[in-house]
């Protein structure tokens, strides 16, 4: 018997479904709601979308609109009477989770359960990434605070070396050199980069494929955008002005050949 403690909300874009399908799916823990207009759609808590191929006038546009809603990708199932031979081709053509011929069938129930599990995995991964991003930003702040302390210490040592040549100059110089080694921006950035790539593998590689000329500054800015920080937060983390962040974004858009109206943030989210 299915676990009915959690009712899965399924939204169907159609005008032909009768009560029999709703009653059948309800036995398996699915609440089927039918709408004919996007304006009628309540996306809150929806875990699966179903699109009636015969109802949607522009199927590609409809699917793209559904994919653009919310921060989490909701699986999309295409309801169509195509023959079994063309099911795989249709699934691949429209980039949907699966295709079904009828909602009143065991096959439809199994597909809906698979789609539900996919949605729940996406939610879990999103929560995990949010937590990891929080840890990344915290680690970066710790590194930045350490870096500022080392800079201040290094400045004081420089002054001691200049002002008092009698004060164990050799030891002071050794201490200064050790601090300078850890002060390099490259050193600090590489530490952050290692942790970032554990959370977002291949992100840097994919960017460099698009433009091998990206600098560490470009990649650093892109990583904070990818982590979901706004411009003001990025300026705080990188210790630069808000204007510098905006200028950096414009440079990146140019390097990626994005139009002025295109969103760099959305582009990076999808990499």
C-alpha atoms as a PDB file:
ATOM      1  CA  UNK A   1       0.000   0.000   0.000  1.00  0.00           C
ATOM      2  CA  UNK A   2       1.281   3.502  -0.830  1.00  0.00           C
ATOM      3  CA  UNK A   3       2.174   5.884   1.944  1.00  0.00           C
ATOM      4  CA  UNK A   4      -0.602   8.484   1.874  1.00  0.00           C
ATOM      5  CA  UNK A   5       0.834  10.633   4.660  1.00  0.00           C
ATOM      6  CA  UNK A   6       2.425  12.759   1.961  1.00  0.00           C
ATOM      7  CA  UNK A   7       0.068  13.693  -0.887  1.00  0.00           C
ATOM      8  CA  UNK A   8       1.988  14.558  -4.053  1.00  0.00           C
ATOM      9  CA  UNK A   9       0.624  17.597  -5.865  1.00  0.00           C
ATOM     10  CA  UNK A  10       0.459  17.014  -9.633  1.00  0.00           C
ATOM     11  CA  UNK A  11      -0.512  19.860 -11.967  1.00  0.00           C
ATOM     12  CA  UNK A  12      -1.950  19.017 -15.387  1.00  0.00           C
ATOM     13  CA  UNK A  13      -2.290  21.509 -18.245  1.00  0.00           C
ATOM     14  CA  UNK A  14      -5.283  20.167 -20.169  1.00  0.00           C
ATOM     15  CA  UNK A  15      -9.038  20.434 -20.800  1.00  0.00           C
ATOM     16  CA  UNK A  16     -10.027  16.784 -21.295  1.00  0.00           C
ATOM     17  CA  UNK A  17      -9.305  14.916 -18.070  1.00  0.00           C
ATOM     18  CA  UNK A  18     -12.343  13.537 -16.273  1.00  0.00           C
ATOM     19  CA  UNK A  19     -12.780  12.624 -12.606  1.00  0.00           C
ATOM     20  CA  UNK A  20     -11.851   8.979 -13.166  1.00  0.00           C
ATOM     21  CA  UNK A  21      -8.165   9.797 -13.624  1.00  0.00           C
ATOM     22  CA  UNK A  22      -8.128  11.965 -10.503  1.00  0.00           C
ATOM     23  CA  UNK A  23      -9.830   9.264  -8.419  1.00  0.00           C
ATOM     24  CA  UNK A  24      -7.468   6.579  -9.739  1.00  0.00           C
ATOM     25  CA  UNK A  25      -4.295   8.546  -8.983  1.00  0.00           C
ATOM     26  CA  UNK A  26      -5.589   9.609  -5.577  1.00  0.00           C
ATOM     27  CA  UNK A  27      -5.531   5.961  -4.472  1.00  0.00           C
ATOM     28  CA  UNK A  28      -1.769   6.051  -4.956  1.00  0.00           C
ATOM     29  CA  UNK A  29      -1.158   9.321  -3.138  1.00  0.00           C
ATOM     30  CA  UNK A  30      -1.347  11.790  -6.040  1.00  0.00           C
ATOM     31  CA  UNK A  31      -3.571  14.871  -6.037  1.00  0.00           C
ATOM     32  CA  UNK A  32      -4.317  15.749  -9.666  1.00  0.00           C
ATOM     33  CA  UNK A  33      -5.290  19.342 -10.413  1.00  0.00           C
ATOM     34  CA  UNK A  34      -6.233  20.451 -13.915  1.00  0.00           C
ATOM     35  CA  UNK A  35      -5.839  23.918 -15.398  1.00  0.00           C
ATOM     36  CA  UNK A  36      -6.188  25.396 -18.876  1.00  0.00           C
ATOM     37  CA  UNK A  37      -4.326  28.665 -18.376  1.00  0.00           C
ATOM     38  CA  UNK A  38      -0.926  29.570 -16.962  1.00  0.00           C
ATOM     39  CA  UNK A  39      -2.627  32.333 -15.009  1.00  0.00           C
ATOM     40  CA  UNK A  40      -4.657  29.688 -13.174  1.00  0.00           C
ATOM     41  CA  UNK A  41      -1.629  27.662 -12.181  1.00  0.00           C
ATOM     42  CA  UNK A  42      -0.677  27.596  -8.513  1.00  0.00           C
ATOM     43  CA  UNK A  43       2.911  26.372  -8.468  1.00  0.00           C
ATOM     44  CA  UNK A  44       3.252  26.260  -4.712  1.00  0.00           C
ATOM     45  CA  UNK A  45       4.177  22.741  -3.539  1.00  0.00           C
ATOM     46  CA  UNK A  46       3.748  21.293  -7.046  1.00  0.00           C
ATOM     47  CA  UNK A  47       6.045  18.284  -7.412  1.00  0.00           C
ATOM     48  CA  UNK A  48       5.172  17.102 -10.935  1.00  0.00           C
ATOM     49  CA  UNK A  49       3.924  18.902 -14.069  1.00  0.00           C
ATOM     50  CA  UNK A  50       1.954  17.088 -16.779  1.00  0.00           C
ATOM     51  CA  UNK A  51       1.339  18.683 -20.167  1.00  0.00           C
ATOM     52  CA  UNK A  52      -1.390  17.410 -22.496  1.00  0.00           C
ATOM     53  CA  UNK A  53       0.301  17.332 -25.893  1.00  0.00           C
ATOM     54  CA  UNK A  54      -3.038  17.673 -27.686  1.00  0.00           C
ATOM     55  CA  UNK A  55      -4.073  20.701 -25.638  1.00  0.00           C
ATOM     56  CA  UNK A  56      -0.921  22.827 -25.698  1.00  0.00           C
ATOM     57  CA  UNK A  57      -0.813  24.905 -28.885  1.00  0.00           C
ATOM     58  CA  UNK A  58       2.934  25.529 -28.661  1.00  0.00           C
ATOM     59  CA  UNK A  59       4.399  22.575 -26.796  1.00  0.00           C
ATOM     60  CA  UNK A  60       8.016  23.787 -26.822  1.00  0.00           C
ATOM     61  CA  UNK A  61       7.106  27.219 -25.470  1.00  0.00           C
ATOM     62  CA  UNK A  62       4.846  25.664 -22.825  1.00  0.00           C
ATOM     63  CA  UNK A  63       7.580  23.339 -21.575  1.00  0.00           C
ATOM     64  CA  UNK A  64      10.136  26.182 -21.475  1.00  0.00           C
ATOM     65  CA  UNK A  65       7.748  28.336 -19.403  1.00  0.00           C
ATOM     66  CA  UNK A  66       7.207  25.512 -16.929  1.00  0.00           C
ATOM     67  CA  UNK A  67      10.964  24.972 -16.614  1.00  0.00           C
ATOM     68  CA  UNK A  68      11.481  28.659 -15.807  1.00  0.00           C
ATOM     69  CA  UNK A  69       9.239  28.629 -12.722  1.00  0.00           C
ATOM     70  CA  UNK A  70      10.828  28.392  -9.307  1.00  0.00           C
ATOM     71  CA  UNK A  71      14.379  27.694  -8.187  1.00  0.00           C
ATOM     72  CA  UNK A  72      13.965  23.913  -8.256  1.00  0.00           C
ATOM     73  CA  UNK A  73      13.373  22.003 -11.465  1.00  0.00           C
ATOM     74  CA  UNK A  74       9.983  20.281 -11.371  1.00  0.00           C
ATOM     75  CA  UNK A  75       9.809  17.112 -13.507  1.00  0.00           C
ATOM     76  CA  UNK A  76       7.606  17.498 -16.605  1.00  0.00           C
ATOM     77  CA  UNK A  77       5.645  14.571 -18.028  1.00  0.00           C
ATOM     78  CA  UNK A  78       4.118  14.737 -21.496  1.00  0.00           C
ATOM     79  CA  UNK A  79       0.677  13.174 -21.934  1.00  0.00           C
ATOM     80  CA  UNK A  80       0.228  12.046 -25.521  1.00  0.00           C
ATOM     81  CA  UNK A  81      -1.292   9.216 -27.548  1.00  0.00           C
ATOM     82  CA  UNK A  82       1.825   8.647 -29.645  1.00  0.00           C
ATOM     83  CA  UNK A  83       2.783   5.041 -30.349  1.00  0.00           C
ATOM     84  CA  UNK A  84       5.277   3.208 -28.156  1.00  0.00           C
ATOM     85  CA  UNK A  85       7.860   3.369 -30.930  1.00  0.00           C
ATOM     86  CA  UNK A  86       8.034   7.141 -30.746  1.00  0.00           C
ATOM     87  CA  UNK A  87       7.908   7.577 -26.936  1.00  0.00           C
ATOM     88  CA  UNK A  88      11.686   7.759 -26.516  1.00  0.00           C
ATOM     89  CA  UNK A  89      12.059  10.094 -29.486  1.00  0.00           C
ATOM     90  CA  UNK A  90       9.374  12.420 -28.094  1.00  0.00           C
ATOM     91  CA  UNK A  91      10.981  12.395 -24.626  1.00  0.00           C
ATOM     92  CA  UNK A  92      14.351  13.367 -26.058  1.00  0.00           C
ATOM     93  CA  UNK A  93      12.921  15.918 -28.485  1.00  0.00           C
ATOM     94  CA  UNK A  94      11.176  17.958 -25.806  1.00  0.00           C
ATOM     95  CA  UNK A  95      13.627  17.220 -22.967  1.00  0.00           C
ATOM     96  CA  UNK A  96      10.929  16.055 -20.558  1.00  0.00           C
ATOM     97  CA  UNK A  97      11.116  13.529 -17.728  1.00  0.00           C
ATOM     98  CA  UNK A  98       8.949  10.971 -19.496  1.00  0.00           C
ATOM     99  CA  UNK A  99       5.959  10.455 -21.807  1.00  0.00           C
ATOM    100  CA  UNK A 100       2.744   8.597 -20.891  1.00  0.00           C
ATOM    101  CA  UNK A 101      -0.246   7.517 -22.967  1.00  0.00           C
ATOM    102  CA  UNK A 102      -2.765   7.509 -20.126  1.00  0.00           C
ATOM    103  CA  UNK A 103      -2.964   8.618 -16.514  1.00  0.00           C
ATOM    104  CA  UNK A 104      -5.250   5.765 -15.515  1.00  0.00           C
ATOM    105  CA  UNK A 105      -2.612   3.035 -15.645  1.00  0.00           C
ATOM    106  CA  UNK A 106       0.024   1.309 -13.527  1.00  0.00           C
ATOM    107  CA  UNK A 107       2.686   2.664 -15.866  1.00  0.00           C
ATOM    108  CA  UNK A 108       1.578   6.242 -15.147  1.00  0.00           C
ATOM    109  CA  UNK A 109       1.671   5.578 -11.388  1.00  0.00           C
ATOM    110  CA  UNK A 110       5.219   4.189 -11.585  1.00  0.00           C
ATOM    111  CA  UNK A 111       6.364   7.156 -13.681  1.00  0.00           C
ATOM    112  CA  UNK A 112       4.781   9.622 -11.254  1.00  0.00           C
ATOM    113  CA  UNK A 113       6.547   7.931  -8.330  1.00  0.00           C
ATOM    114  CA  UNK A 114       9.855   8.141 -10.214  1.00  0.00           C
ATOM    115  CA  UNK A 115       9.233  11.827 -10.980  1.00  0.00           C
ATOM    116  CA  UNK A 116       8.398  12.482  -7.336  1.00  0.00           C
ATOM    117  CA  UNK A 117      11.657  10.870  -6.228  1.00  0.00           C
ATOM    118  CA  UNK A 118      13.559  12.941  -8.788  1.00  0.00           C
ATOM    119  CA  UNK A 119      11.961  16.143  -7.467  1.00  0.00           C
ATOM    120  CA  UNK A 120      12.790  15.218  -3.873  1.00  0.00           C
ATOM    121  CA  UNK A 121      16.413  14.467  -4.806  1.00  0.00           C
ATOM    122  CA  UNK A 122      16.656  17.875  -6.498  1.00  0.00           C
ATOM    123  CA  UNK A 123      15.307  19.546  -3.344  1.00  0.00           C
ATOM    124  CA  UNK A 124      17.781  17.650  -1.156  1.00  0.00           C
ATOM    125  CA  UNK A 125      20.671  18.564  -3.472  1.00  0.00           C
ATOM    126  CA  UNK A 126      19.612  22.223  -3.447  1.00  0.00           C
ATOM    127  CA  UNK A 127      19.514  22.273   0.364  1.00  0.00           C
ATOM    128  CA  UNK A 128      22.896  20.555   0.475  1.00  0.00           C
ATOM    129  CA  UNK A 129      24.378  23.082  -1.951  1.00  0.00           C
ATOM    130  CA  UNK A 130      22.932  25.980   0.065  1.00  0.00           C
ATOM    131  CA  UNK A 131      24.597  24.633   3.196  1.00  0.00           C
ATOM    132  CA  UNK A 132      27.877  24.059   1.392  1.00  0.00           C
ATOM    133  CA  UNK A 133      27.736  27.562  -0.085  1.00  0.00           C
ATOM    134  CA  UNK A 134      27.213  28.948   3.406  1.00  0.00           C
ATOM    135  CA  UNK A 135      30.284  27.039   4.600  1.00  0.00           C
ATOM    136  CA  UNK A 136      32.250  28.287   1.610  1.00  0.00           C
ATOM    137  CA  UNK A 137      31.421  31.905   2.324  1.00  0.00           C
ATOM    138  CA  UNK A 138      32.267  31.437   6.009  1.00  0.00           C
ATOM    139  CA  UNK A 139      35.613  29.858   5.112  1.00  0.00           C
ATOM    140  CA  UNK A 140      36.348  32.703   2.737  1.00  0.00           C
ATOM    141  CA  UNK A 141      35.645  35.276   5.444  1.00  0.00           C
ATOM    142  CA  UNK A 142      37.943  33.405   7.843  1.00  0.00           C
ATOM    143  CA  UNK A 143      40.698  33.410   5.213  1.00  0.00           C
ATOM    144  CA  UNK A 144      40.120  37.079   4.483  1.00  0.00           C
ATOM    145  CA  UNK A 145      40.253  38.002   8.185  1.00  0.00           C
ATOM    146  CA  UNK A 146      43.484  36.016   8.554  1.00  0.00           C
ATOM    147  CA  UNK A 147      44.874  37.775   5.509  1.00  0.00           C
ATOM    148  CA  UNK A 148      44.107  41.223   6.933  1.00  0.00           C
ATOM    149  CA  UNK A 149      45.807  40.307  10.218  1.00  0.00           C
ATOM    150  CA  UNK A 150      48.894  39.104   8.371  1.00  0.00           C
ATOM    151  CA  UNK A 151      49.006  42.307   6.343  1.00  0.00           C
ATOM    152  CA  UNK A 152      48.908  44.424   9.485  1.00  0.00           C
ATOM    153  CA  UNK A 153      51.581  42.270  11.139  1.00  0.00           C
ATOM    154  CA  UNK A 154      53.758  42.461   8.061  1.00  0.00           C
ATOM    155  CA  UNK A 155      53.490  46.255   8.015  1.00  0.00           C
ATOM    156  CA  UNK A 156      54.602  46.481  11.645  1.00  0.00           C
ATOM    157  CA  UNK A 157      57.552  44.162  10.984  1.00  0.00           C
ATOM    158  CA  UNK A 158      58.623  46.270   8.020  1.00  0.00           C
ATOM    159  CA  UNK A 159      58.643  49.329  10.263  1.00  0.00           C
ATOM    160  CA  UNK A 160      60.674  47.512  12.947  1.00  0.00           C
ATOM    161  CA  UNK A 161      63.285  46.436  10.417  1.00  0.00           C
ATOM    162  CA  UNK A 162      63.666  49.994   9.122  1.00  0.00           C
ATOM    163  CA  UNK A 163      63.560  51.788  12.493  1.00  0.00           C
ATOM    164  CA  UNK A 164      65.727  49.524  14.621  1.00  0.00           C
ATOM    165  CA  UNK A 165      68.494  47.762  12.755  1.00  0.00           C
ATOM    166  CA  UNK A 166      69.896  46.414  16.036  1.00  0.00           C
ATOM    167  CA  UNK A 167      66.764  44.383  16.773  1.00  0.00           C
ATOM    168  CA  UNK A 168      67.547  40.819  15.633  1.00  0.00           C
ATOM    169  CA  UNK A 169      67.105  41.780  12.016  1.00  0.00           C
ATOM    170  CA  UNK A 170      67.635  38.256  10.693  1.00  0.00           C
ATOM    171  CA  UNK A 171      64.797  36.737  12.699  1.00  0.00           C
ATOM    172  CA  UNK A 172      62.466  39.583  11.814  1.00  0.00           C
ATOM    173  CA  UNK A 173      63.215  39.183   8.136  1.00  0.00           C
ATOM    174  CA  UNK A 174      62.578  35.448   8.343  1.00  0.00           C
ATOM    175  CA  UNK A 175      59.216  36.091  10.017  1.00  0.00           C
ATOM    176  CA  UNK A 176      58.332  38.728   7.434  1.00  0.00           C
ATOM    177  CA  UNK A 177      59.189  36.402   4.552  1.00  0.00           C
ATOM    178  CA  UNK A 178      57.012  33.644   6.002  1.00  0.00           C
ATOM    179  CA  UNK A 179      54.081  36.007   6.305  1.00  0.00           C
ATOM    180  CA  UNK A 180      54.511  37.323   2.784  1.00  0.00           C
ATOM    181  CA  UNK A 181      54.380  33.788   1.456  1.00  0.00           C
ATOM    182  CA  UNK A 182      50.897  33.393   2.902  1.00  0.00           C
ATOM    183  CA  UNK A 183      49.792  36.863   1.896  1.00  0.00           C
ATOM    184  CA  UNK A 184      49.740  36.145  -1.805  1.00  0.00           C
ATOM    185  CA  UNK A 185      46.268  36.453  -3.296  1.00  0.00           C
ATOM    186  CA  UNK A 186      46.921  33.334  -5.346  1.00  0.00           C
ATOM    187  CA  UNK A 187      47.505  31.284  -2.214  1.00  0.00           C
ATOM    188  CA  UNK A 188      44.275  32.441  -0.604  1.00  0.00           C
ATOM    189  CA  UNK A 189      42.253  32.070  -3.791  1.00  0.00           C
ATOM    190  CA  UNK A 190      43.532  28.541  -4.435  1.00  0.00           C
ATOM    191  CA  UNK A 191      42.337  27.451  -0.988  1.00  0.00           C
ATOM    192  CA  UNK A 192      38.890  28.838  -1.721  1.00  0.00           C
ATOM    193  CA  UNK A 193      38.950  27.358  -5.236  1.00  0.00           C
ATOM    194  CA  UNK A 194      39.581  23.833  -3.951  1.00  0.00           C
ATOM    195  CA  UNK A 195      36.554  23.991  -1.644  1.00  0.00           C
ATOM    196  CA  UNK A 196      34.370  25.630  -4.301  1.00  0.00           C
ATOM    197  CA  UNK A 197      35.117  22.915  -6.862  1.00  0.00           C
ATOM    198  CA  UNK A 198      34.066  20.260  -4.355  1.00  0.00           C
ATOM    199  CA  UNK A 199      30.610  21.857  -4.287  1.00  0.00           C
ATOM    200  CA  UNK A 200      30.410  22.888  -7.962  1.00  0.00           C
ATOM    201  CA  UNK A 201      32.568  20.442  -9.944  1.00  0.00           C
ATOM    202  CA  UNK A 202      33.407  21.363 -13.567  1.00  0.00           C
ATOM    203  CA  UNK A 203      32.095  24.932 -13.166  1.00  0.00           C
ATOM    204  CA  UNK A 204      35.492  26.541 -13.802  1.00  0.00           C
ATOM    205  CA  UNK A 205      36.326  24.103 -16.592  1.00  0.00           C
ATOM    206  CA  UNK A 206      33.062  24.843 -18.391  1.00  0.00           C
ATOM    207  CA  UNK A 207      33.653  28.580 -18.125  1.00  0.00           C
ATOM    208  CA  UNK A 208      37.175  28.236 -19.480  1.00  0.00           C
ATOM    209  CA  UNK A 209      35.866  26.207 -22.405  1.00  0.00           C
ATOM    210  CA  UNK A 210      33.575  29.118 -23.255  1.00  0.00           C
ATOM    211  CA  UNK A 211      36.447  31.583 -22.919  1.00  0.00           C
ATOM    212  CA  UNK A 212      39.984  30.389 -22.112  1.00  0.00           C
ATOM    213  CA  UNK A 213      40.940  34.017 -21.437  1.00  0.00           C
ATOM    214  CA  UNK A 214      39.077  34.248 -18.124  1.00  0.00           C
ATOM    215  CA  UNK A 215      41.361  35.513 -15.352  1.00  0.00           C
ATOM    216  CA  UNK A 216      41.315  34.429 -11.701  1.00  0.00           C
ATOM    217  CA  UNK A 217      39.448  37.668 -10.969  1.00  0.00           C
ATOM    218  CA  UNK A 218      36.782  36.712 -13.516  1.00  0.00           C
ATOM    219  CA  UNK A 219      36.467  33.207 -12.068  1.00  0.00           C
ATOM    220  CA  UNK A 220      36.347  34.504  -8.508  1.00  0.00           C
ATOM    221  CA  UNK A 221      33.496  36.879  -9.389  1.00  0.00           C
ATOM    222  CA  UNK A 222      31.673  34.110 -11.268  1.00  0.00           C
ATOM    223  CA  UNK A 223      31.984  31.754  -8.297  1.00  0.00           C
ATOM    224  CA  UNK A 224      30.299  34.203  -5.910  1.00  0.00           C
ATOM    225  CA  UNK A 225      27.501  34.812  -8.424  1.00  0.00           C
ATOM    226  CA  UNK A 226      27.113  31.033  -8.750  1.00  0.00           C
ATOM    227  CA  UNK A 227      26.819  30.776  -4.968  1.00  0.00           C
ATOM    228  CA  UNK A 228      23.822  33.134  -5.079  1.00  0.00           C
ATOM    229  CA  UNK A 229      25.285  36.275  -3.509  1.00  0.00           C
ATOM    230  CA  UNK A 230      24.010  39.657  -4.653  1.00  0.00           C
ATOM    231  CA  UNK A 231      26.286  42.468  -5.855  1.00  0.00           C
ATOM    232  CA  UNK A 232      26.564  44.151  -2.460  1.00  0.00           C
ATOM    233  CA  UNK A 233      27.504  40.901  -0.745  1.00  0.00           C
ATOM    234  CA  UNK A 234      30.097  40.157  -3.444  1.00  0.00           C
ATOM    235  CA  UNK A 235      31.611  43.622  -2.947  1.00  0.00           C
ATOM    236  CA  UNK A 236      31.874  42.903   0.784  1.00  0.00           C
ATOM    237  CA  UNK A 237      33.481  39.480   0.321  1.00  0.00           C
ATOM    238  CA  UNK A 238      35.985  40.647  -2.291  1.00  0.00           C
ATOM    239  CA  UNK A 239      36.663  43.949  -0.511  1.00  0.00           C
ATOM    240  CA  UNK A 240      35.912  46.000  -3.628  1.00  0.00           C
ATOM    241  CA  UNK A 241      33.381  48.689  -4.470  1.00  0.00           C
ATOM    242  CA  UNK A 242      29.884  47.964  -5.758  1.00  0.00           C
ATOM    243  CA  UNK A 243      30.806  49.808  -8.950  1.00  0.00           C
ATOM    244  CA  UNK A 244      33.764  47.436  -9.424  1.00  0.00           C
ATOM    245  CA  UNK A 245      31.443  44.448  -9.107  1.00  0.00           C
ATOM    246  CA  UNK A 246      29.075  45.859 -11.731  1.00  0.00           C
ATOM    247  CA  UNK A 247      31.968  46.633 -14.043  1.00  0.00           C
ATOM    248  CA  UNK A 248      33.286  43.104 -13.595  1.00  0.00           C
ATOM    249  CA  UNK A 249      29.871  41.694 -14.493  1.00  0.00           C
ATOM    250  CA  UNK A 250      29.754  43.740 -17.683  1.00  0.00           C
ATOM    251  CA  UNK A 251      33.222  42.521 -18.659  1.00  0.00           C
ATOM    252  CA  UNK A 252      32.206  38.925 -18.092  1.00  0.00           C
ATOM    253  CA  UNK A 253      29.064  39.343 -20.191  1.00  0.00           C
ATOM    254  CA  UNK A 254      31.216  40.717 -22.983  1.00  0.00           C
ATOM    255  CA  UNK A 255      33.630  37.790 -22.742  1.00  0.00           C
ATOM    256  CA  UNK A 256      30.697  35.367 -22.876  1.00  0.00           C
ATOM    257  CA  UNK A 257      29.118  37.207 -25.840  1.00  0.00           C
ATOM    258  CA  UNK A 258      25.920  37.819 -23.863  1.00  0.00           C
ATOM    259  CA  UNK A 259      23.510  40.511 -25.011  1.00  0.00           C
ATOM    260  CA  UNK A 260      23.036  43.561 -22.723  1.00  0.00           C
ATOM    261  CA  UNK A 261      19.560  42.352 -21.760  1.00  0.00           C
ATOM    262  CA  UNK A 262      20.803  38.821 -20.913  1.00  0.00           C
ATOM    263  CA  UNK A 263      21.267  37.861 -17.269  1.00  0.00           C
ATOM    264  CA  UNK A 264      24.781  36.765 -16.361  1.00  0.00           C
ATOM    265  CA  UNK A 265      23.438  35.430 -13.067  1.00  0.00           C
ATOM    266  CA  UNK A 266      20.924  33.155 -14.807  1.00  0.00           C
ATOM    267  CA  UNK A 267      23.561  32.065 -17.314  1.00  0.00           C
ATOM    268  CA  UNK A 268      25.994  31.037 -14.561  1.00  0.00           C
ATOM    269  CA  UNK A 269      23.274  29.280 -12.558  1.00  0.00           C
ATOM    270  CA  UNK A 270      22.684  26.982 -15.538  1.00  0.00           C
ATOM    271  CA  UNK A 271      26.336  25.995 -15.986  1.00  0.00           C
END
